[in-house]
């Protein structure tokens, strides 16, 4: 039976945006409850192996205390240090063990770290915050069912998922880092508190997805044009005082006046230059990469992002295949049998 990975980030939903904006705090006990519901869905599809990321709070062990499962559940074998490297390391181990998919509980940054460790493993991302674009708010039981259906082959990856692009940041022509949603140029020199909250520091925005109902930095592009995450192109926006006015929801409960000087799409063969150095690149909403003076940086869009499992698409395919039983049509007087388990 295939292996499922679970990476639940105990630090997600608690950053500075809860102080400077109106985002909700997502506590770890709620993550415990979500994981319990995940296991209900996974067990119903016949999954019997789960590898999880160890963490300082013990999200998975706490979730298992009230469950009686006929399932092998074990931690990825490494010592956690309570930082982003834990997520990368756990994803690497799950990839080495050939996990069929990884379920994540966290935000855009958590999923970015997972992809850095296991770009070729499908992800089912569950949002645990209010400033996220990559993961979605999903009920845990149904998410477990969807992950299990894909992992066991009852629903194919092509039926269940989309193949996302991602953004690659190059420094002097070498790959330096990636982003799943947005890469932003900040006219600062140091990473600092990581989270972006002062829009006056931003000069360029690079996106690989943009929808009009997005929150955060990708909302800037979403209010200009649509860009689906499986489109093989990116969006570049230049901000500046001489641009046209745009009112955007850049954080939960925060509407900000911005000025857009230019917007353009670019393809995988293009490298769009970072126009200002020294600077800091914010990746998926958090300042991560310092670009010193004298270095040249650019951004390109890669078509080789992760497969992302969508719960609605997966459950629709299961419904159409009658995987949970039910009648074939209203004229059917017999009883069909579920094929799960």
Protein backbone atom coordinates (compact mmCIF):
# COMPACT_ATOMS: atom_id res chain seq x y z
CA UNK A 1 0.00 0.00 0.00
CA UNK A 2 1.40 3.46 -0.85
CA UNK A 3 2.81 5.84 1.74
CA UNK A 4 1.23 9.20 2.64
CA UNK A 5 3.30 12.04 4.11
CA UNK A 6 1.86 14.62 6.53
CA UNK A 7 3.67 17.88 7.26
CA UNK A 8 1.88 20.03 9.84
CA UNK A 9 3.71 23.27 10.58
CA UNK A 10 3.29 24.32 14.26
CA UNK A 11 4.48 27.86 13.47
CA UNK A 12 2.01 28.67 10.68
CA UNK A 13 -0.77 31.17 11.37
CA UNK A 14 1.21 33.15 13.96
CA UNK A 15 3.41 35.66 12.10
CA UNK A 16 3.61 39.48 12.38
CA UNK A 17 0.57 39.95 10.10
CA UNK A 18 -1.59 39.01 13.09
CA UNK A 19 -0.32 42.23 14.73
CA UNK A 20 -0.15 44.66 11.80
CA UNK A 21 -3.21 43.35 9.91
CA UNK A 22 -6.38 41.53 10.97
CA UNK A 23 -5.40 37.93 10.26
CA UNK A 24 -6.67 35.12 12.48
CA UNK A 25 -4.36 33.20 14.81
CA UNK A 26 -4.55 29.50 14.00
CA UNK A 27 -3.59 27.52 17.10
CA UNK A 28 -1.92 24.12 17.14
CA UNK A 29 -4.79 22.37 18.91
CA UNK A 30 -6.96 23.09 15.87
CA UNK A 31 -4.26 21.50 13.70
CA UNK A 32 -4.44 18.43 15.96
CA UNK A 33 -8.18 18.21 15.32
CA UNK A 34 -7.69 18.57 11.55
CA UNK A 35 -5.13 15.75 11.58
CA UNK A 36 -7.55 13.47 13.44
CA UNK A 37 -10.11 14.06 10.73
CA UNK A 38 -7.46 13.46 8.06
CA UNK A 39 -6.81 10.00 9.47
CA UNK A 40 -10.52 9.18 9.31
CA UNK A 41 -10.54 9.90 5.57
CA UNK A 42 -7.23 8.12 4.91
CA UNK A 43 -8.36 4.98 6.75
CA UNK A 44 -11.61 4.86 4.78
CA UNK A 45 -9.65 4.61 1.51
CA UNK A 46 -7.39 1.82 2.75
CA UNK A 47 -4.23 3.81 3.43
CA UNK A 48 -2.12 1.99 6.00
CA UNK A 49 1.20 3.89 6.06
CA UNK A 50 1.79 7.48 7.12
CA UNK A 51 5.10 9.28 7.63
CA UNK A 52 4.91 12.61 9.47
CA UNK A 53 7.18 15.54 10.29
CA UNK A 54 8.21 15.64 13.98
CA UNK A 55 7.71 19.03 15.62
CA UNK A 56 8.13 20.74 18.99
CA UNK A 57 4.38 20.70 19.74
CA UNK A 58 3.81 17.07 18.76
CA UNK A 59 0.83 17.66 16.47
CA UNK A 60 0.69 14.12 15.06
CA UNK A 61 1.33 12.25 18.35
CA UNK A 62 -1.37 14.32 20.06
CA UNK A 63 -3.80 13.57 17.22
CA UNK A 64 -3.15 9.85 17.49
CA UNK A 65 -3.90 9.64 21.22
CA UNK A 66 -7.66 9.45 20.67
CA UNK A 67 -7.54 7.24 17.58
CA UNK A 68 -7.48 3.48 17.30
CA UNK A 69 -5.99 2.88 13.87
CA UNK A 70 -4.87 -0.22 12.05
CA UNK A 71 -2.17 1.84 10.38
CA UNK A 72 1.60 2.20 10.53
CA UNK A 73 2.32 5.81 11.53
CA UNK A 74 5.93 6.89 12.05
CA UNK A 75 8.00 10.10 12.10
CA UNK A 76 10.56 11.13 9.53
CA UNK A 77 13.85 10.21 11.17
CA UNK A 78 15.64 13.45 12.00
CA UNK A 79 16.05 15.87 14.91
CA UNK A 80 13.77 18.92 14.46
CA UNK A 81 15.09 22.41 15.20
CA UNK A 82 11.83 24.34 14.88
CA UNK A 83 12.65 26.19 11.66
CA UNK A 84 11.93 25.99 7.93
CA UNK A 85 14.70 23.45 7.43
CA UNK A 86 12.58 20.89 9.32
CA UNK A 87 9.94 21.07 6.60
CA UNK A 88 12.50 20.76 3.80
CA UNK A 89 14.16 17.79 5.52
CA UNK A 90 10.87 16.00 6.19
CA UNK A 91 9.82 16.42 2.56
CA UNK A 92 13.18 15.07 1.37
CA UNK A 93 12.75 11.96 3.53
CA UNK A 94 9.20 11.41 2.29
CA UNK A 95 10.43 11.69 -1.30
CA UNK A 96 13.18 9.17 -0.60
CA UNK A 97 10.53 6.82 0.79
CA UNK A 98 8.54 7.38 -2.44
CA UNK A 99 5.48 8.89 -0.80
CA UNK A 100 2.45 8.91 -3.10
CA UNK A 101 1.51 12.39 -1.87
CA UNK A 102 2.21 14.85 0.94
CA UNK A 103 -0.59 16.52 2.89
CA UNK A 104 0.46 19.90 4.25
CA UNK A 105 -1.04 22.02 7.02
CA UNK A 106 0.39 25.51 6.73
CA UNK A 107 0.62 28.56 4.54
CA UNK A 108 2.32 29.54 1.30
CA UNK A 109 5.72 29.46 3.01
CA UNK A 110 5.21 25.95 4.39
CA UNK A 111 4.32 24.60 0.97
CA UNK A 112 7.28 26.39 -0.60
CA UNK A 113 9.58 24.58 1.84
CA UNK A 114 7.91 21.25 1.00
CA UNK A 115 8.47 21.80 -2.73
CA UNK A 116 12.12 22.67 -2.07
CA UNK A 117 12.50 19.24 -0.52
CA UNK A 118 10.23 17.20 -2.79
CA UNK A 119 9.28 19.01 -6.00
CA UNK A 120 8.09 15.84 -7.75
CA UNK A 121 5.71 14.58 -5.04
CA UNK A 122 2.03 15.64 -5.37
CA UNK A 123 0.83 17.97 -2.61
CA UNK A 124 -2.57 18.35 -1.02
CA UNK A 125 -2.30 21.74 0.76
CA UNK A 126 -4.63 22.66 3.64
CA UNK A 127 -4.56 26.30 4.67
CA UNK A 128 -4.03 27.18 8.33
CA UNK A 129 -4.22 30.94 8.08
CA UNK A 130 -5.93 33.88 6.41
CA UNK A 131 -3.24 35.25 4.10
CA UNK A 132 -2.69 32.25 1.83
CA UNK A 133 -3.09 31.65 -1.89
CA UNK A 134 -1.46 28.27 -2.57
CA UNK A 135 -3.34 26.16 0.04
CA UNK A 136 -7.11 26.12 0.44
CA UNK A 137 -9.42 25.92 3.43
CA UNK A 138 -10.52 22.28 3.27
CA UNK A 139 -12.42 20.06 5.70
CA UNK A 140 -9.97 17.49 7.09
CA UNK A 141 -12.07 14.36 6.58
CA UNK A 142 -12.65 15.16 2.92
CA UNK A 143 -9.01 16.09 2.41
CA UNK A 144 -8.01 12.70 3.83
CA UNK A 145 -10.42 10.96 1.47
CA UNK A 146 -9.05 12.87 -1.53
CA UNK A 147 -5.42 12.16 -0.65
CA UNK A 148 -6.19 8.49 -0.08
CA UNK A 149 -8.10 8.14 -3.35
CA UNK A 150 -5.14 9.52 -5.29
CA UNK A 151 -2.50 7.62 -3.32
CA UNK A 152 -4.25 4.28 -3.79
CA UNK A 153 -4.84 4.88 -7.49
CA UNK A 154 -8.62 4.90 -7.26
CA UNK A 155 -8.57 8.39 -8.79
CA UNK A 156 -5.77 9.26 -11.22
CA UNK A 157 -3.51 12.26 -10.77
CA UNK A 158 -4.74 13.72 -14.06
CA UNK A 159 -8.31 13.59 -12.76
CA UNK A 160 -7.46 15.00 -9.36
CA UNK A 161 -4.73 17.59 -9.75
CA UNK A 162 -3.21 20.40 -11.76
CA UNK A 163 0.47 20.81 -12.63
CA UNK A 164 1.53 24.16 -11.18
CA UNK A 165 4.27 26.43 -12.41
CA UNK A 166 6.67 28.11 -9.99
CA UNK A 167 8.96 31.13 -9.94
CA UNK A 168 12.73 30.74 -9.89
CA UNK A 169 15.04 33.50 -8.64
CA UNK A 170 18.50 33.52 -10.21
CA UNK A 171 21.52 35.40 -8.87
CA UNK A 172 24.38 35.86 -11.35
CA UNK A 173 22.66 33.26 -13.53
CA UNK A 174 22.49 30.54 -10.83
CA UNK A 175 19.28 29.29 -9.21
CA UNK A 176 19.13 30.83 -5.73
CA UNK A 177 15.55 30.12 -4.56
CA UNK A 178 11.96 29.48 -5.62
CA UNK A 179 8.46 30.81 -4.95
CA UNK A 180 5.09 29.13 -5.43
CA UNK A 181 2.98 32.30 -5.70
CA UNK A 182 4.93 35.56 -5.66
CA UNK A 183 8.44 36.97 -5.64
CA UNK A 184 8.70 40.62 -4.63
CA UNK A 185 11.57 43.11 -4.72
CA UNK A 186 11.89 45.17 -1.53
CA UNK A 187 14.18 48.18 -1.30
CA UNK A 188 15.61 46.97 1.99
CA UNK A 189 18.96 45.38 2.81
CA UNK A 190 18.07 42.85 5.51
CA UNK A 191 15.47 40.14 5.99
CA UNK A 192 14.27 41.51 9.34
CA UNK A 193 10.88 40.28 10.54
CA UNK A 194 10.39 38.38 7.26
CA UNK A 195 6.69 39.06 6.66
CA UNK A 196 5.87 41.86 4.20
CA UNK A 197 3.55 44.49 5.65
CA UNK A 198 4.85 47.85 4.38
CA UNK A 199 3.92 48.17 0.70
CA UNK A 200 5.99 51.35 0.32
CA UNK A 201 9.13 49.21 0.20
CA UNK A 202 8.03 47.22 -2.88
CA UNK A 203 9.17 48.09 -6.40
CA UNK A 204 8.57 44.90 -8.45
CA UNK A 205 6.13 42.00 -8.15
CA UNK A 206 6.50 38.67 -9.97
CA UNK A 207 3.55 36.25 -9.99
CA UNK A 208 2.74 32.83 -11.39
CA UNK A 209 -0.93 33.02 -10.34
CA UNK A 210 -3.36 35.89 -9.93
CA UNK A 211 -7.10 35.85 -9.30
CA UNK A 212 -9.45 38.75 -8.47
CA UNK A 213 -10.51 37.08 -5.20
CA UNK A 214 -6.95 36.52 -3.91
CA UNK A 215 -5.62 38.05 -0.71
CA UNK A 216 -2.07 39.24 -0.22
CA UNK A 217 0.51 40.30 -2.78
CA UNK A 218 -0.97 38.21 -5.60
CA UNK A 219 -4.13 40.31 -5.32
CA UNK A 220 -2.18 43.12 -7.00
CA UNK A 221 -2.00 41.10 -10.20
CA UNK A 222 -5.42 39.52 -9.73
CA UNK A 223 -7.10 42.90 -9.91
CA UNK A 224 -5.39 43.54 -13.26
CA UNK A 225 -5.60 40.20 -15.11
CA UNK A 226 -6.32 36.51 -14.48
CA UNK A 227 -3.37 34.12 -14.36
CA UNK A 228 -4.05 30.46 -13.56
CA UNK A 229 -1.29 28.49 -11.80
CA UNK A 230 -1.06 25.90 -14.58
CA UNK A 231 -0.57 28.53 -17.31
CA UNK A 232 2.99 28.39 -18.62
CA UNK A 233 3.70 32.07 -18.03
CA UNK A 234 4.31 34.59 -15.29
CA UNK A 235 3.31 38.19 -14.59
CA UNK A 236 5.66 41.10 -13.85
CA UNK A 237 4.34 44.29 -12.24
CA UNK A 238 6.36 47.45 -11.70
CA UNK A 239 5.17 49.78 -8.94
CA UNK A 240 6.05 53.44 -8.67
CA UNK A 241 4.68 56.92 -7.89
CA UNK A 242 4.05 57.74 -11.56
CA UNK A 243 1.76 54.76 -12.10
CA UNK A 244 -2.01 54.31 -12.21
CA UNK A 245 -3.85 53.98 -8.91
CA UNK A 246 -4.87 50.50 -7.68
CA UNK A 247 -6.65 49.69 -4.41
CA UNK A 248 -5.68 46.15 -3.34
CA UNK A 249 -6.35 43.83 -0.34
CA UNK A 250 -2.69 43.13 0.45
CA UNK A 251 -3.43 41.54 3.86
CA UNK A 252 -6.50 40.42 5.82
CA UNK A 253 -8.55 43.52 6.61
CA UNK A 254 -6.03 45.85 4.94
CA UNK A 255 -6.79 47.81 1.75
CA UNK A 256 -3.78 49.65 0.36
CA UNK A 257 -3.33 52.32 -2.32
CA UNK A 258 -0.70 51.28 -4.87
CA UNK A 259 0.50 52.77 -8.14
CA UNK A 260 1.15 50.45 -11.10
CA UNK A 261 3.61 51.78 -13.69
CA UNK A 262 3.65 48.66 -15.93
CA UNK A 263 2.42 45.09 -16.20
CA UNK A 264 3.64 42.40 -18.60
CA UNK A 265 3.48 38.64 -19.03
CA UNK A 266 6.62 36.58 -19.55
CA UNK A 267 7.26 32.97 -20.57
CA UNK A 268 9.63 30.17 -19.47
CA UNK A 269 12.29 31.34 -21.93
CA UNK A 270 12.36 34.84 -20.40
CA UNK A 271 14.44 36.14 -17.52
CA UNK A 272 13.08 39.40 -16.10
CA UNK A 273 15.72 41.51 -14.38
CA UNK A 274 15.54 42.75 -10.81
CA UNK A 275 16.05 46.47 -11.37
CA UNK A 276 17.31 47.55 -7.96
CA UNK A 277 20.21 46.23 -5.88
CA UNK A 278 21.02 45.91 -3.08
CA UNK A 279 17.59 44.61 -2.15
CA UNK A 280 15.74 41.81 -0.41
CA UNK A 281 13.56 39.34 -2.31
CA UNK A 282 10.38 38.34 -0.51
CA UNK A 283 9.21 34.88 -1.57
CA UNK A 284 5.59 33.87 -1.00
CA UNK A 285 5.07 36.79 1.35
CA UNK A 286 8.22 36.50 3.47
CA UNK A 287 11.56 38.25 3.06
CA UNK A 288 14.04 35.46 2.38
CA UNK A 289 16.84 36.35 -0.03
CA UNK A 290 19.28 39.24 0.35
CA UNK A 291 20.76 40.47 -2.96
CA UNK A 292 23.94 42.47 -2.26
CA UNK A 293 25.26 45.33 -4.36
CA UNK A 294 27.16 44.15 -7.40
CA UNK A 295 25.03 41.03 -7.90
CA UNK A 296 22.59 40.60 -10.78
CA UNK A 297 19.25 38.97 -10.05
CA UNK A 298 16.43 37.88 -12.31
CA UNK A 299 13.19 35.88 -12.17
CA UNK A 300 11.83 33.28 -14.55
CA UNK A 301 8.76 31.04 -14.55
CA UNK A 302 9.30 27.28 -14.57
CA UNK A 303 6.67 24.84 -15.89
CA UNK A 304 8.10 22.16 -13.59
CA UNK A 305 6.27 23.00 -10.39
CA UNK A 306 4.45 20.50 -8.18
CA UNK A 307 1.29 18.57 -8.88
CA UNK A 308 -1.40 20.01 -6.61
CA UNK A 309 -4.33 17.80 -5.63
CA UNK A 310 -7.67 19.61 -5.63
CA UNK A 311 -10.21 18.13 -3.26
CA UNK A 312 -13.28 19.14 -5.30
CA UNK A 313 -11.93 17.62 -8.53
CA UNK A 314 -10.94 14.43 -6.73
CA UNK A 315 -14.28 13.93 -5.03
CA UNK A 316 -16.12 14.69 -8.28
CA UNK A 317 -14.16 11.92 -10.00
CA UNK A 318 -14.98 9.57 -7.11
CA UNK A 319 -18.66 10.47 -7.36
CA UNK A 320 -18.76 9.82 -11.09
CA UNK A 321 -17.06 6.44 -10.62
CA UNK A 322 -19.43 5.55 -7.74
CA UNK A 323 -16.44 4.73 -5.53
CA UNK A 324 -18.53 5.19 -2.39
CA UNK A 325 -21.49 3.18 -3.66
CA UNK A 326 -24.93 4.54 -4.52
CA UNK A 327 -27.20 3.94 -7.47
CA UNK A 328 -26.11 4.34 -11.08
CA UNK A 329 -29.24 6.29 -11.99
CA UNK A 330 -32.74 6.87 -10.75
CA UNK A 331 -34.08 3.85 -12.65
CA UNK A 332 -31.62 1.50 -10.96
CA UNK A 333 -33.45 -0.66 -8.41
CA UNK A 334 -30.46 -2.78 -7.41
CA UNK A 335 -27.77 -1.99 -4.88
CA UNK A 336 -24.28 -1.03 -5.94
CA UNK A 337 -21.33 -1.83 -3.72
CA UNK A 338 -18.67 0.66 -2.67
CA UNK A 339 -15.17 -0.17 -3.92
CA UNK A 340 -13.21 1.53 -1.14
CA UNK A 341 -11.14 -0.33 1.39
